[in-house]
C-alpha atoms as a PDB file:
ATOM      1  CA  MET A   1      99.906  88.338  84.914  1.00  0.00           C
ATOM      2  CA  ALA A   2      97.953  87.047  88.060  1.00  0.00           C
ATOM      3  CA  THR A   3      97.214  88.294  91.284  1.00  0.00           C
ATOM      4  CA  TRP A   4      98.225  87.206  94.516  1.00  0.00           C
ATOM      5  CA  GLN A   5      94.807  85.486  94.928  1.00  0.00           C
ATOM      6  CA  GLN A   6      95.595  83.267  91.541  1.00  0.00           C
ATOM      7  CA  PHE A   7      99.290  82.370  92.518  1.00  0.00           C
ATOM      8  CA  ASN A   8      97.365  80.996  96.270  1.00  0.00           C
ATOM      9  CA  ASP A   9      94.727  79.979  94.394  1.00  0.00           C
ATOM     10  CA  GLU A  10      97.695  77.617  91.434  1.00  0.00           C
ATOM     11  CA  ALA A  11     100.374  77.388  94.121  1.00  0.00           C
ATOM     12  CA  PRO A  12      99.205  77.420  97.958  1.00  0.00           C
ATOM     13  CA  ASP A  13     102.341  76.214  99.606  1.00  0.00           C
ATOM     14  CA  LEU A  14     105.058  78.164  97.866  1.00  0.00           C
ATOM     15  CA  ALA A  15     102.982  81.479  97.705  1.00  0.00           C
ATOM     16  CA  SER A  16     102.531  80.181 101.987  1.00  0.00           C
ATOM     17  CA  ALA A  17     105.942  80.045 101.746  1.00  0.00           C
ATOM     18  CA  ILE A  18     106.953  83.251  99.904  1.00  0.00           C
ATOM     19  CA  ALA A  19     104.008  85.202 101.745  1.00  0.00           C
ATOM     20  CA  ALA A  20     105.663  84.114 104.962  1.00  0.00           C
ATOM     21  CA  ARG A  21     109.385  86.024 103.542  1.00  0.00           C
ATOM     22  CA  LEU A  22     107.550  89.074 102.761  1.00  0.00           C
ATOM     23  CA  SER A  23     105.523  89.181 106.483  1.00  0.00           C
ATOM     24  CA  ALA A  24     109.033  88.138 108.251  1.00  0.00           C
ATOM     25  CA  HIS A  25     110.262  91.820 107.747  1.00  0.00           C
ATOM     26  CA  LYS A  26     109.287  95.123 106.937  1.00  0.00           C
ATOM     27  CA  HIS A  27     111.405  96.451 104.394  1.00  0.00           C
ATOM     28  CA  HIS A  28     112.005  94.909 100.917  1.00  0.00           C
ATOM     29  CA  VAL A  29     114.462  96.125  98.075  1.00  0.00           C
ATOM     30  CA  ILE A  30     111.943  96.772  94.803  1.00  0.00           C
ATOM     31  CA  ALA A  31     114.328  97.528  91.648  1.00  0.00           C
ATOM     32  CA  THR A  32     112.656  99.392  89.545  1.00  0.00           C
ATOM     33  CA  LEU A  33     113.908 101.203  85.742  1.00  0.00           C
ATOM     34  CA  ARG A  34     114.644 105.124  85.131  1.00  0.00           C
ATOM     35  CA  LYS A  35     113.748 106.577  81.816  1.00  0.00           C
ATOM     36  CA  ASP A  36     117.483 106.554  80.793  1.00  0.00           C
ATOM     37  CA  GLY A  37     116.373 102.469  80.933  1.00  0.00           C
ATOM     38  CA  SER A  38     119.467 102.140  84.040  1.00  0.00           C
ATOM     39  CA  PRO A  39     117.663  99.951  87.003  1.00  0.00           C
ATOM     40  CA  ARG A  40     116.717 101.292  90.556  1.00  0.00           C
ATOM     41  CA  VAL A  41     116.493  99.735  93.309  1.00  0.00           C
ATOM     42  CA  SER A  42     114.612 101.556  96.648  1.00  0.00           C
ATOM     43  CA  GLY A  43     113.374  99.805 100.073  1.00  0.00           C
ATOM     44  CA  THR A  44     110.198  99.746 100.179  1.00  0.00           C
ATOM     45  CA  GLU A  45     107.058  97.543 102.279  1.00  0.00           C
ATOM     46  CA  VAL A  46     104.338  95.553 100.577  1.00  0.00           C
ATOM     47  CA  GLU A  47     100.839  94.402 102.221  1.00  0.00           C
ATOM     48  CA  MET A  48      98.502  91.942 100.726  1.00  0.00           C
ATOM     49  CA  PHE A  49      94.821  92.778 101.042  1.00  0.00           C
ATOM     50  CA  ALA A  50      92.097  91.380  99.288  1.00  0.00           C
ATOM     51  CA  GLY A  51      94.217  88.600  97.223  1.00  0.00           C
ATOM     52  CA  GLN A  52      96.274  91.650  95.997  1.00  0.00           C
ATOM     53  CA  LEU A  53     100.128  92.072  96.442  1.00  0.00           C
ATOM     54  CA  VAL A  54     100.108  96.171  97.724  1.00  0.00           C
ATOM     55  CA  LEU A  55     102.992  98.733  97.069  1.00  0.00           C
ATOM     56  CA  GLY A  56     102.499 101.357  98.804  1.00  0.00           C
ATOM     57  CA  SER A  57     104.841 105.197  98.440  1.00  0.00           C
ATOM     58  CA  MET A  58     105.223 108.510  99.209  1.00  0.00           C
ATOM     59  CA  LEU A  59     103.549 110.664  96.507  1.00  0.00           C
ATOM     60  CA  GLY A  60     106.381 112.196  94.289  1.00  0.00           C
ATOM     61  CA  ALA A  61     109.247 109.225  94.826  1.00  0.00           C
ATOM     62  CA  ARG A  62     111.564 107.636  92.295  1.00  0.00           C
ATOM     63  CA  LYS A  63     109.787 104.077  92.340  1.00  0.00           C
ATOM     64  CA  ALA A  64     106.773 105.354  92.167  1.00  0.00           C
ATOM     65  CA  LEU A  65     107.308 108.264  89.219  1.00  0.00           C
ATOM     66  CA  ASP A  66     109.414 104.735  88.006  1.00  0.00           C
ATOM     67  CA  LEU A  67     106.368 102.341  87.884  1.00  0.00           C
ATOM     68  CA  GLN A  68     104.037 105.146  86.098  1.00  0.00           C
ATOM     69  CA  ARG A  69     106.280 105.698  83.105  1.00  0.00           C
ATOM     70  CA  GLU A  70     106.797 101.938  83.161  1.00  0.00           C
ATOM     71  CA  PRO A  71     105.351  99.275  84.873  1.00  0.00           C
ATOM     72  CA  ARG A  72     108.027  96.570  85.367  1.00  0.00           C
ATOM     73  CA  PHE A  73     108.719  95.879  88.440  1.00  0.00           C
ATOM     74  CA  ALA A  74     110.954  93.081  90.791  1.00  0.00           C
ATOM     75  CA  LEU A  75     110.512  92.490  94.721  1.00  0.00           C
ATOM     76  CA  HIS A  76     113.013  91.215  96.592  1.00  0.00           C
ATOM     77  CA  SER A  77     112.257  90.230 100.060  1.00  0.00           C
ATOM     78  CA  ASN A  78     114.148  91.179 103.135  1.00  0.00           C
ATOM     79  CA  PRO A  79     116.151  87.967 103.498  1.00  0.00           C
ATOM     80  CA  GLY A  80     117.083  87.797 107.333  1.00  0.00           C
ATOM     81  CA  HIS A  81     120.235  87.850 109.196  1.00  0.00           C
ATOM     82  CA  HIS A  82     123.168  85.931 108.262  1.00  0.00           C
ATOM     83  CA  THR A  83     120.893  83.032 107.251  1.00  0.00           C
ATOM     84  CA  MET A  84     118.674  81.112 104.268  1.00  0.00           C
ATOM     85  CA  ASP A  85     116.092  80.042 106.752  1.00  0.00           C
ATOM     86  CA  GLY A  86     112.822  79.760 105.164  1.00  0.00           C
ATOM     87  CA  GLY A  87     114.404  80.903 101.325  1.00  0.00           C
ATOM     88  CA  ASP A  88     115.009  83.948  99.890  1.00  0.00           C
ATOM     89  CA  ALA A  89     111.850  85.139  98.002  1.00  0.00           C
ATOM     90  CA  LYS A  90     111.530  87.264  94.503  1.00  0.00           C
ATOM     91  CA  ILE A  91     108.712  88.239  92.315  1.00  0.00           C
ATOM     92  CA  SER A  92     108.637  90.056  88.779  1.00  0.00           C
ATOM     93  CA  GLY A  93     105.645  91.239  87.025  1.00  0.00           C
ATOM     94  CA  ARG A  94     103.730  95.126  86.470  1.00  0.00           C
ATOM     95  CA  ALA A  95     102.919  97.655  88.663  1.00  0.00           C
ATOM     96  CA  ARG A  96      99.242  98.888  88.269  1.00  0.00           C
ATOM     97  CA  GLU A  97      98.449 101.960  90.583  1.00  0.00           C
ATOM     98  CA  LEU A  98      94.982 102.378  92.259  1.00  0.00           C
ATOM     99  CA  ASP A  99      92.732 105.146  91.658  1.00  0.00           C
ATOM    100  CA  GLY A 100      88.768 105.652  92.536  1.00  0.00           C
ATOM    101  CA  ASP A 101      87.018 103.521  94.614  1.00  0.00           C
ATOM    102  CA  GLU A 102      89.744 100.745  94.445  1.00  0.00           C
ATOM    103  CA  LYS A 103      92.445 103.006  95.882  1.00  0.00           C
ATOM    104  CA  THR A 104      90.034 103.830  98.874  1.00  0.00           C
ATOM    105  CA  THR A 105      89.018 100.533  99.035  1.00  0.00           C
ATOM    106  CA  ILE A 106      93.058  99.029 100.262  1.00  0.00           C
ATOM    107  CA  VAL A 107      93.846 103.537 101.710  1.00  0.00           C
ATOM    108  CA  ASN A 108      90.919 101.714 104.082  1.00  0.00           C
ATOM    109  CA  CYS A 109      92.588  98.240 104.960  1.00  0.00           C
ATOM    110  CA  TYR A 110      95.974 100.394 106.251  1.00  0.00           C
ATOM    111  CA  PRO A 111      95.248  99.700 110.458  1.00  0.00           C
ATOM    112  CA  GLU A 112      96.223 103.040 110.412  1.00  0.00           C
ATOM    113  CA  ASN A 113      95.787 106.373 108.097  1.00  0.00           C
ATOM    114  CA  PRO A 114      98.530 106.126 105.663  1.00  0.00           C
ATOM    115  CA  GLY A 115      98.013 109.511 104.534  1.00  0.00           C
ATOM    116  CA  GLU A 116      98.314 110.780 100.742  1.00  0.00           C
ATOM    117  CA  ALA A 117     100.267 108.142  98.785  1.00  0.00           C
ATOM    118  CA  HIS A 118     100.428 106.354  95.592  1.00  0.00           C
ATOM    119  CA  PHE A 119      99.404 102.873  95.596  1.00  0.00           C
ATOM    120  CA  PHE A 120      99.547 100.092  93.401  1.00  0.00           C
ATOM    121  CA  VAL A 121      98.845  96.232  92.749  1.00  0.00           C
ATOM    122  CA  LEU A 122     101.935  94.070  92.047  1.00  0.00           C
ATOM    123  CA  ASP A 123     100.910  91.568  89.231  1.00  0.00           C
ATOM    124  CA  ILE A 124     102.985  88.682  89.120  1.00  0.00           C
ATOM    125  CA  GLU A 125     104.676  87.245  86.411  1.00  0.00           C
ATOM    126  CA  GLU A 126     106.867  85.340  88.361  1.00  0.00           C
ATOM    127  CA  ALA A 127     107.429  84.051  91.737  1.00  0.00           C
ATOM    128  CA  VAL A 128     110.751  82.420  92.697  1.00  0.00           C
ATOM    129  CA  LEU A 129     111.416  80.919  96.075  1.00  0.00           C
ATOM    130  CA  VAL A 130     115.439  80.228  96.846  1.00  0.00           C
ATOM    131  CA  THR A 131     116.029  77.286  99.796  1.00  0.00           C
ATOM    132  CA  VAL A 132     118.851  75.751 101.618  1.00  0.00           C
ATOM    133  CA  ASP A 133     118.876  72.209 102.899  1.00  0.00           C
ATOM    134  CA  ASP A 134     121.373  69.143 103.018  1.00  0.00           C
ATOM    135  CA  GLU A 135     123.968  71.269 101.353  1.00  0.00           C
ATOM    136  CA  ARG A 136     121.961  71.478  98.486  1.00  0.00           C
ATOM    137  CA  LEU A 137     120.543  74.325  96.503  1.00  0.00           C
ATOM    138  CA  HIS A 138     116.800  74.868  95.794  1.00  0.00           C
ATOM    139  CA  VAL A 139     114.807  76.883  93.056  1.00  0.00           C
ATOM    140  CA  ASP A 140     111.337  76.616  92.937  1.00  0.00           C
ATOM    141  CA  LEU A 141     109.947  78.858  89.869  1.00  0.00           C
ATOM    142  CA  TRP A 142     105.657  79.636  89.958  1.00  0.00           C
ATOM    143  CA  GLN A 143     104.864  81.292  86.203  1.00  0.00           C
ATOM    144  CA  PRO A 144     101.242  81.529  85.829  1.00  0.00           C
ATOM    145  CA  GLY A 145      99.117  78.339  84.158  1.00  0.00           C
ATOM    146  CA  LYS A 146     102.265  76.799  84.220  1.00  0.00           C
ATOM    147  CA  GLY A 147     102.933  75.110  87.333  1.00  0.00           C
ATOM    148  CA  ILE A 148     105.776  75.112  89.771  1.00  0.00           C
ATOM    149  CA  ARG A 149     108.773  73.960  88.523  1.00  0.00           C
ATOM    150  CA  ARG A 150     111.787  73.423  90.588  1.00  0.00           C
ATOM    151  CA  THR A 151     115.269  73.596  90.425  1.00  0.00           C
ATOM    152  CA  THR A 152     118.229  71.768  92.017  1.00  0.00           C
ATOM    153  CA  ARG A 153     121.569  72.413  92.365  1.00  0.00           C
END
């Protein structure tokens, strides 16, 4: 598992490309696991603060309750408007809910007071960027300590 900072340190070009996809649109999709193990997909927003990828959620939201019980997640960037420009980014890993001073530090980074909410750091098990050029599809996969592996189809 890695922080966003570790991802950025090990694979700066890929981290930059994925960060661009996450900042290109405000809303993305996160998959969490329900109590019965089935998947739940929810709209979400993420931010980057102090080398961490952070998800905020309304108090009591289903996705927050899912993450409290089972921290595994998959985040899919908003792919944009009918184009693969910039690629299609996906991140999976485990969420860790913030509290105490750590939560206060993150809340203070928001430009507007987010009010009462859940905040989770999204630790990364793998990050993927799918791009298309010259009618070929490229899948760049990063995992902590393993570098980037590219598959082209």
